[in-house]
Amino acid sequence: MRHSSEPNSARWRRSSYSNANGGECVEIAENLPGVVPVRDSKAPHGPVIVVPASAWGAFVASLKACPPGAPPGAPQGAPQGAPQGAPQG
């Protein structure tokens, strides 16, 4: 089956970090070749950001490599809550 690269044909899924109230959530679609559409789950008919799949993969990998509680892009072993580039004790 062939999929259009238009967000209208996207099969959306909510972030696994979404809370039960639907606040501060994003939805993504992974069924469109070469792109990952992203939208606000509270505004499903609002704007959609379409990101190249390679950029989305790099973004997700950087988040997974980041220590819990540290800002995205923080070096491995950075103290929780330490600003990016902050000296480590």
Protein backbone atom coordinates (compact mmCIF):
# COMPACT_ATOMS: atom_id res chain seq x y z
CA MET A 1 0.00 0.00 0.00
CA ARG A 2 1.32 3.39 -0.89
CA HIS A 3 1.03 6.38 1.45
CA SER A 4 0.80 10.01 0.52
CA SER A 5 3.37 12.30 2.09
CA GLU A 6 0.52 14.63 3.03
CA PRO A 7 -0.23 14.91 6.77
CA ASN A 8 -3.92 14.24 5.97
CA SER A 9 -3.06 10.57 5.38
CA ALA A 10 -1.02 10.33 8.58
CA ARG A 11 -1.84 7.75 11.25
CA TRP A 12 -1.19 9.68 14.45
CA ARG A 13 0.02 8.33 17.78
CA ARG A 14 0.44 10.20 21.03
CA SER A 15 3.74 10.51 22.83
CA SER A 16 4.37 7.86 25.47
CA TYR A 17 5.08 10.75 27.87
CA SER A 18 1.53 12.15 27.52
CA ASN A 19 -0.42 12.54 30.71
CA ALA A 20 -4.02 11.39 31.21
CA ASN A 21 -5.32 14.97 30.91
CA GLY A 22 -3.82 15.44 27.45
CA GLY A 23 -1.66 18.37 28.52
CA GLU A 24 1.69 19.25 26.96
CA CYS A 25 1.58 16.39 24.47
CA VAL A 26 2.70 15.87 20.93
CA GLU A 27 1.51 13.38 18.37
CA ILE A 28 3.62 12.00 15.56
CA ALA A 29 2.91 9.93 12.48
CA GLU A 30 5.43 7.32 11.41
CA ASN A 31 3.63 5.92 8.36
CA LEU A 32 4.81 8.51 5.81
CA PRO A 33 8.01 7.71 3.95
CA GLY A 34 10.89 10.10 4.57
CA VAL A 35 9.06 12.50 6.88
CA VAL A 36 7.66 12.63 10.42
CA PRO A 37 4.71 15.00 10.91
CA VAL A 38 4.42 16.42 14.45
CA ARG A 39 1.40 18.20 15.95
CA ASP A 40 0.00 19.37 19.28
CA SER A 41 -2.41 16.73 20.59
CA LYS A 42 -4.60 19.45 22.11
CA ALA A 43 -5.05 21.04 18.66
CA PRO A 44 -5.31 18.13 16.20
CA HIS A 45 -6.67 20.40 13.46
CA GLY A 46 -4.00 23.02 14.05
CA PRO A 47 -0.64 23.38 12.33
CA VAL A 48 1.59 20.41 11.59
CA ILE A 49 5.38 20.52 11.49
CA VAL A 50 6.82 18.08 8.95
CA VAL A 51 10.37 17.03 9.82
CA PRO A 52 12.70 14.92 7.66
CA ALA A 53 12.82 11.39 9.09
CA SER A 54 16.63 11.59 9.41
CA ALA A 55 16.36 14.77 11.52
CA TRP A 56 13.64 13.20 13.69
CA GLY A 57 15.83 10.14 14.25
CA ALA A 58 18.77 12.32 15.33
CA PHE A 59 16.48 14.33 17.66
CA VAL A 60 15.12 11.19 19.34
CA ALA A 61 18.61 9.69 19.66
CA SER A 62 19.88 12.85 21.37
CA LEU A 63 17.00 12.71 23.86
CA LYS A 64 17.64 9.05 24.62
CA ALA A 65 21.35 9.77 25.20
CA CYS A 66 20.58 12.60 27.64
CA PRO A 67 20.59 11.76 31.37
CA PRO A 68 17.14 11.95 33.05
CA GLY A 69 16.40 15.49 34.25
CA ALA A 70 19.23 17.07 32.25
CA PRO A 71 18.48 19.49 29.40
CA PRO A 72 18.60 18.06 25.86
CA GLY A 73 22.13 18.13 24.52
CA ALA A 74 23.73 17.86 27.97
CA PRO A 75 26.85 15.73 28.02
CA GLN A 76 26.71 12.19 29.38
CA GLY A 77 27.28 12.22 33.14
CA ALA A 78 26.08 15.82 33.57
CA PRO A 79 24.39 16.44 36.91
CA GLN A 80 20.60 16.54 36.76
CA GLY A 81 19.30 20.02 36.06
CA ALA A 82 22.77 21.32 35.12
CA PRO A 83 22.67 23.87 32.33
CA GLN A 84 24.21 22.80 29.04
CA GLY A 85 27.92 23.55 29.07
CA ALA A 86 27.98 24.01 32.87
CA PRO A 87 31.15 22.82 34.59
CA GLN A 88 30.81 19.46 36.26
CA GLY A 89 31.87 19.30 39.91
